[in-house]
């Protein structure tokens, strides 16, 4: 029987620095607590939106990888 779960090709932005700031945003990956919690249930389109938001937050924070 085929696996019916959709392929997940958008990688998690997690860098194993899992600490939330006072705004409930991870200082490692820049996802919100809600985005982290919902990540496994998101399809690739929604994961890509989250990744775009993390990039925006990172730029606004002046952070670089």
PDB file of N, CA and C in Angstrom:
ATOM      1  N   UNK A   1       0.842  -1.187   0.000  1.00  0.00           N
ATOM      2  CA  UNK A   1       0.000   0.000   0.000  1.00  0.00           C
ATOM      3  C   UNK A   1       0.882   1.244   0.000  1.00  0.00           C
ATOM      4  N   UNK A   2       0.538   2.209  -0.821  1.00  0.00           N
ATOM      5  CA  UNK A   2       1.295   3.453  -0.912  1.00  0.00           C
ATOM      6  C   UNK A   2       1.115   4.294   0.338  1.00  0.00           C
ATOM      7  N   UNK A   3       2.179   5.004   0.688  1.00  0.00           N
ATOM      8  CA  UNK A   3       2.092   5.979   1.766  1.00  0.00           C
ATOM      9  C   UNK A   3       1.269   7.150   1.260  1.00  0.00           C
ATOM     10  N   UNK A   4       0.188   7.476   1.928  1.00  0.00           N
ATOM     11  CA  UNK A   4      -0.709   8.523   1.474  1.00  0.00           C
ATOM     12  C   UNK A   4      -0.307   9.906   1.984  1.00  0.00           C
ATOM     13  N   UNK A   5       0.698   9.979   2.850  1.00  0.00           N
ATOM     14  CA  UNK A   5       1.140  11.275   3.364  1.00  0.00           C
ATOM     15  C   UNK A   5       1.841  12.050   2.257  1.00  0.00           C
ATOM     16  N   UNK A   6       1.565  13.343   2.166  1.00  0.00           N
ATOM     17  CA  UNK A   6       2.235  14.149   1.136  1.00  0.00           C
ATOM     18  C   UNK A   6       3.722  14.279   1.428  1.00  0.00           C
ATOM     19  N   UNK A   7       4.499  14.360   0.367  1.00  0.00           N
ATOM     20  CA  UNK A   7       5.939  14.576   0.527  1.00  0.00           C
ATOM     21  C   UNK A   7       6.174  15.953   1.121  1.00  0.00           C
ATOM     22  N   UNK A   8       7.146  16.032   1.984  1.00  0.00           N
ATOM     23  CA  UNK A   8       7.493  17.307   2.609  1.00  0.00           C
ATOM     24  C   UNK A   8       8.890  17.682   2.139  1.00  0.00           C
ATOM     25  N   UNK A   9       8.958  18.547   1.139  1.00  0.00           N
ATOM     26  CA  UNK A   9      10.259  18.898   0.579  1.00  0.00           C
ATOM     27  C   UNK A   9      10.814  20.206   1.132  1.00  0.00           C
ATOM     28  N   UNK A  10      10.006  20.976   1.859  1.00  0.00           N
ATOM     29  CA  UNK A  10      10.504  22.207   2.458  1.00  0.00           C
ATOM     30  C   UNK A  10      11.084  21.856   3.824  1.00  0.00           C
ATOM     31  N   UNK A  11      12.386  22.045   3.952  1.00  0.00           N
ATOM     32  CA  UNK A  11      13.084  21.659   5.178  1.00  0.00           C
ATOM     33  C   UNK A  11      12.774  22.616   6.318  1.00  0.00           C
ATOM     34  N   UNK A  12      12.799  22.066   7.505  1.00  0.00           N
ATOM     35  CA  UNK A  12      12.600  22.877   8.697  1.00  0.00           C
ATOM     36  C   UNK A  12      13.760  23.862   8.846  1.00  0.00           C
ATOM     37  N   UNK A  13      13.463  25.094   9.246  1.00  0.00           N
ATOM     38  CA  UNK A  13      14.532  26.070   9.463  1.00  0.00           C
ATOM     39  C   UNK A  13      15.226  25.899  10.820  1.00  0.00           C
ATOM     40  N   UNK A  14      14.835  24.893  11.585  1.00  0.00           N
ATOM     41  CA  UNK A  14      15.398  24.672  12.920  1.00  0.00           C
ATOM     42  C   UNK A  14      16.915  24.488  12.849  1.00  0.00           C
ATOM     43  N   UNK A  15      17.634  25.187  13.759  1.00  0.00           N
ATOM     44  CA  UNK A  15      19.093  25.033  13.845  1.00  0.00           C
ATOM     45  C   UNK A  15      19.505  24.555  15.233  1.00  0.00           C
ATOM     46  N   UNK A  16      18.560  23.937  15.948  1.00  0.00           N
ATOM     47  CA  UNK A  16      18.802  23.377  17.280  1.00  0.00           C
ATOM     48  C   UNK A  16      19.222  24.410  18.315  1.00  0.00           C
ATOM     49  N   UNK A  17      18.740  25.629  18.168  1.00  0.00           N
ATOM     50  CA  UNK A  17      18.876  26.671  19.189  1.00  0.00           C
ATOM     51  C   UNK A  17      17.440  27.035  19.553  1.00  0.00           C
ATOM     52  N   UNK A  18      16.851  26.247  20.416  1.00  0.00           N
ATOM     53  CA  UNK A  18      15.409  26.325  20.666  1.00  0.00           C
ATOM     54  C   UNK A  18      15.109  27.121  21.932  1.00  0.00           C
ATOM     55  N   UNK A  19      15.081  28.445  21.766  1.00  0.00           N
ATOM     56  CA  UNK A  19      14.793  29.358  22.868  1.00  0.00           C
ATOM     57  C   UNK A  19      13.837  30.424  22.344  1.00  0.00           C
ATOM     58  N   UNK A  20      12.715  30.598  23.035  1.00  0.00           N
ATOM     59  CA  UNK A  20      11.749  31.619  22.630  1.00  0.00           C
ATOM     60  C   UNK A  20      12.065  32.930  23.325  1.00  0.00           C
ATOM     61  N   UNK A  21      11.964  34.025  22.570  1.00  0.00           N
ATOM     62  CA  UNK A  21      12.146  35.345  23.162  1.00  0.00           C
ATOM     63  C   UNK A  21      10.823  35.807  23.769  1.00  0.00           C
ATOM     64  N   UNK A  22      10.762  37.022  24.232  1.00  0.00           N
ATOM     65  CA  UNK A  22       9.552  37.531  24.884  1.00  0.00           C
ATOM     66  C   UNK A  22       8.373  37.683  23.932  1.00  0.00           C
ATOM     67  N   UNK A  23       8.634  37.647  22.628  1.00  0.00           N
ATOM     68  CA  UNK A  23       7.564  37.701  21.624  1.00  0.00           C
ATOM     69  C   UNK A  23       7.136  36.313  21.167  1.00  0.00           C
ATOM     70  N   UNK A  24       7.614  35.253  21.850  1.00  0.00           N
ATOM     71  CA  UNK A  24       7.344  33.859  21.477  1.00  0.00           C
ATOM     72  C   UNK A  24       7.888  33.512  20.097  1.00  0.00           C
ATOM     73  N   UNK A  25       9.035  34.087  19.756  1.00  0.00           N
ATOM     74  CA  UNK A  25       9.732  33.776  18.513  1.00  0.00           C
ATOM     75  C   UNK A  25      11.050  33.111  18.875  1.00  0.00           C
ATOM     76  N   UNK A  26      11.347  32.000  18.242  1.00  0.00           N
ATOM     77  CA  UNK A  26      12.593  31.277  18.510  1.00  0.00           C
ATOM     78  C   UNK A  26      13.789  32.113  18.048  1.00  0.00           C
ATOM     79  N   UNK A  27      14.782  32.251  18.912  1.00  0.00           N
ATOM     80  CA  UNK A  27      15.964  33.033  18.545  1.00  0.00           C
ATOM     81  C   UNK A  27      16.885  32.262  17.606  1.00  0.00           C
ATOM     82  N   UNK A  28      16.616  30.985  17.399  1.00  0.00           N
ATOM     83  CA  UNK A  28      17.420  30.179  16.476  1.00  0.00           C
ATOM     84  C   UNK A  28      16.871  30.177  15.063  1.00  0.00           C
ATOM     85  N   UNK A  29      15.589  29.829  14.937  1.00  0.00           N
ATOM     86  CA  UNK A  29      15.004  29.674  13.593  1.00  0.00           C
ATOM     87  C   UNK A  29      14.040  30.783  13.207  1.00  0.00           C
ATOM     88  N   UNK A  30      13.677  31.628  14.161  1.00  0.00           N
ATOM     89  CA  UNK A  30      12.779  32.761  13.918  1.00  0.00           C
ATOM     90  C   UNK A  30      11.345  32.355  13.592  1.00  0.00           C
ATOM     91  N   UNK A  31      10.969  31.136  13.969  1.00  0.00           N
ATOM     92  CA  UNK A  31       9.560  30.761  13.872  1.00  0.00           C
ATOM     93  C   UNK A  31       8.874  31.132  15.184  1.00  0.00           C
ATOM     94  N   UNK A  32       7.581  31.419  15.087  1.00  0.00           N
ATOM     95  CA  UNK A  32       6.810  31.653  16.303  1.00  0.00           C
ATOM     96  C   UNK A  32       6.532  30.302  16.964  1.00  0.00           C
ATOM     97  N   UNK A  33       6.128  30.348  18.220  1.00  0.00           N
ATOM     98  CA  UNK A  33       5.777  29.115  18.924  1.00  0.00           C
ATOM     99  C   UNK A  33       4.665  28.374  18.187  1.00  0.00           C
ATOM    100  N   UNK A  34       3.700  29.105  17.662  1.00  0.00           N
ATOM    101  CA  UNK A  34       2.599  28.485  16.914  1.00  0.00           C
ATOM    102  C   UNK A  34       3.125  27.834  15.640  1.00  0.00           C
ATOM    103  N   UNK A  35       3.998  28.516  14.912  1.00  0.00           N
ATOM    104  CA  UNK A  35       4.559  27.944  13.677  1.00  0.00           C
ATOM    105  C   UNK A  35       5.349  26.675  13.963  1.00  0.00           C
ATOM    106  N   UNK A  36       6.090  26.669  15.058  1.00  0.00           N
ATOM    107  CA  UNK A  36       6.859  25.472  15.428  1.00  0.00           C
ATOM    108  C   UNK A  36       5.904  24.318  15.724  1.00  0.00           C
ATOM    109  N   UNK A  37       4.880  24.598  16.503  1.00  0.00           N
ATOM    110  CA  UNK A  37       3.917  23.568  16.894  1.00  0.00           C
ATOM    111  C   UNK A  37       3.171  23.006  15.694  1.00  0.00           C
ATOM    112  N   UNK A  38       2.823  23.851  14.739  1.00  0.00           N
ATOM    113  CA  UNK A  38       2.026  23.426  13.585  1.00  0.00           C
ATOM    114  C   UNK A  38       2.860  22.864  12.435  1.00  0.00           C
ATOM    115  N   UNK A  39       4.180  22.988  12.474  1.00  0.00           N
ATOM    116  CA  UNK A  39       5.059  22.665  11.357  1.00  0.00           C
ATOM    117  C   UNK A  39       4.784  21.299  10.740  1.00  0.00           C
ATOM    118  N   UNK A  40       4.686  20.256  11.543  1.00  0.00           N
ATOM    119  CA  UNK A  40       4.552  18.908  10.986  1.00  0.00           C
ATOM    120  C   UNK A  40       3.246  18.709  10.227  1.00  0.00           C
ATOM    121  N   UNK A  41       2.231  19.511  10.515  1.00  0.00           N
ATOM    122  CA  UNK A  41       0.954  19.378   9.825  1.00  0.00           C
ATOM    123  C   UNK A  41       0.807  20.259   8.608  1.00  0.00           C
ATOM    124  N   UNK A  42       1.814  21.078   8.320  1.00  0.00           N
ATOM    125  CA  UNK A  42       1.724  22.001   7.184  1.00  0.00           C
ATOM    126  C   UNK A  42       2.107  21.327   5.877  1.00  0.00           C
ATOM    127  N   UNK A  43       1.474  21.747   4.796  1.00  0.00           N
ATOM    128  CA  UNK A  43       1.907  21.285   3.474  1.00  0.00           C
ATOM    129  C   UNK A  43       3.058  22.178   3.012  1.00  0.00           C
ATOM    130  N   UNK A  44       3.659  21.822   1.898  1.00  0.00           N
ATOM    131  CA  UNK A  44       4.837  22.559   1.431  1.00  0.00           C
ATOM    132  C   UNK A  44       4.546  24.033   1.152  1.00  0.00           C
ATOM    133  N   UNK A  45       3.358  24.338   0.653  1.00  0.00           N
ATOM    134  CA  UNK A  45       3.017  25.735   0.383  1.00  0.00           C
ATOM    135  C   UNK A  45       3.034  26.551   1.670  1.00  0.00           C
ATOM    136  N   UNK A  46       2.413  26.015   2.708  1.00  0.00           N
ATOM    137  CA  UNK A  46       2.377  26.729   3.981  1.00  0.00           C
ATOM    138  C   UNK A  46       3.740  26.741   4.664  1.00  0.00           C
ATOM    139  N   UNK A  47       4.508  25.665   4.507  1.00  0.00           N
ATOM    140  CA  UNK A  47       5.871  25.658   5.049  1.00  0.00           C
ATOM    141  C   UNK A  47       6.724  26.736   4.383  1.00  0.00           C
ATOM    142  N   UNK A  48       6.567  26.893   3.079  1.00  0.00           N
ATOM    143  CA  UNK A  48       7.325  27.924   2.365  1.00  0.00           C
ATOM    144  C   UNK A  48       6.951  29.319   2.860  1.00  0.00           C
ATOM    145  N   UNK A  49       5.680  29.528   3.179  1.00  0.00           N
ATOM    146  CA  UNK A  49       5.246  30.814   3.738  1.00  0.00           C
ATOM    147  C   UNK A  49       5.910  31.062   5.087  1.00  0.00           C
ATOM    148  N   UNK A  50       5.969  30.027   5.915  1.00  0.00           N
ATOM    149  CA  UNK A  50       6.616  30.166   7.228  1.00  0.00           C
ATOM    150  C   UNK A  50       8.093  30.490   7.049  1.00  0.00           C
ATOM    151  N   UNK A  51       8.757  29.801   6.146  1.00  0.00           N
ATOM    152  CA  UNK A  51      10.178  30.055   5.906  1.00  0.00           C
ATOM    153  C   UNK A  51      10.390  31.492   5.421  1.00  0.00           C
ATOM    154  N   UNK A  52       9.508  31.983   4.576  1.00  0.00           N
ATOM    155  CA  UNK A  52       9.607  33.372   4.116  1.00  0.00           C
ATOM    156  C   UNK A  52       9.445  34.336   5.290  1.00  0.00           C
ATOM    157  N   UNK A  53       8.520  34.030   6.186  1.00  0.00           N
ATOM    158  CA  UNK A  53       8.326  34.872   7.371  1.00  0.00           C
ATOM    159  C   UNK A  53       9.560  34.833   8.281  1.00  0.00           C
ATOM    160  N   UNK A  54      10.174  33.665   8.417  1.00  0.00           N
ATOM    161  CA  UNK A  54      11.372  33.585   9.258  1.00  0.00           C
ATOM    162  C   UNK A  54      12.493  34.434   8.662  1.00  0.00           C
ATOM    163  N   UNK A  55      12.601  34.444   7.346  1.00  0.00           N
ATOM    164  CA  UNK A  55      13.631  35.255   6.688  1.00  0.00           C
ATOM    165  C   UNK A  55      13.365  36.744   6.928  1.00  0.00           C
ATOM    166  N   UNK A  56      12.106  37.135   6.855  1.00  0.00           N
ATOM    167  CA  UNK A  56      11.740  38.533   7.111  1.00  0.00           C
ATOM    168  C   UNK A  56      12.072  38.909   8.547  1.00  0.00           C
ATOM    169  N   UNK A  57      11.706  38.056   9.492  1.00  0.00           N
ATOM    170  CA  UNK A  57      11.991  38.345  10.904  1.00  0.00           C
ATOM    171  C   UNK A  57      13.494  38.432  11.152  1.00  0.00           C
ATOM    172  N   UNK A  58      14.229  37.525  10.536  1.00  0.00           N
ATOM    173  CA  UNK A  58      15.688  37.512  10.699  1.00  0.00           C
ATOM    174  C   UNK A  58      16.298  38.813  10.176  1.00  0.00           C
ATOM    175  N   UNK A  59      15.859  39.254   8.990  1.00  0.00           N
ATOM    176  CA  UNK A  59      16.357  40.518   8.428  1.00  0.00           C
ATOM    177  C   UNK A  59      16.016  41.696   9.338  1.00  0.00           C
ATOM    178  N   UNK A  60      14.763  41.744   9.789  1.00  0.00           N
ATOM    179  CA  UNK A  60      14.343  42.834  10.669  1.00  0.00           C
ATOM    180  C   UNK A  60      15.138  42.861  11.966  1.00  0.00           C
ATOM    181  N   UNK A  61      15.577  41.689  12.425  1.00  0.00           N
ATOM    182  CA  UNK A  61      16.350  41.585  13.657  1.00  0.00           C
ATOM    183  C   UNK A  61      17.839  41.877  13.404  1.00  0.00           C
ATOM    184  N   UNK A  62      18.233  41.933  12.134  1.00  0.00           N
ATOM    185  CA  UNK A  62      19.625  42.174  11.787  1.00  0.00           C
ATOM    186  C   UNK A  62      20.510  40.951  11.952  1.00  0.00           C
ATOM    187  N   UNK A  63      19.886  39.781  12.045  1.00  0.00           N
ATOM    188  CA  UNK A  63      20.632  38.537  12.251  1.00  0.00           C
ATOM    189  C   UNK A  63      21.113  37.968  10.917  1.00  0.00           C
ATOM    190  N   UNK A  64      22.228  37.294  10.969  1.00  0.00           N
ATOM    191  CA  UNK A  64      22.759  36.596   9.802  1.00  0.00           C
ATOM    192  C   UNK A  64      23.151  35.191  10.214  1.00  0.00           C
ATOM    193  N   UNK A  65      23.161  34.291   9.258  1.00  0.00           N
ATOM    194  CA  UNK A  65      23.612  32.910   9.520  1.00  0.00           C
ATOM    195  C   UNK A  65      25.031  32.739   9.087  1.00  0.00           C
TER     196      UNK A  65
END
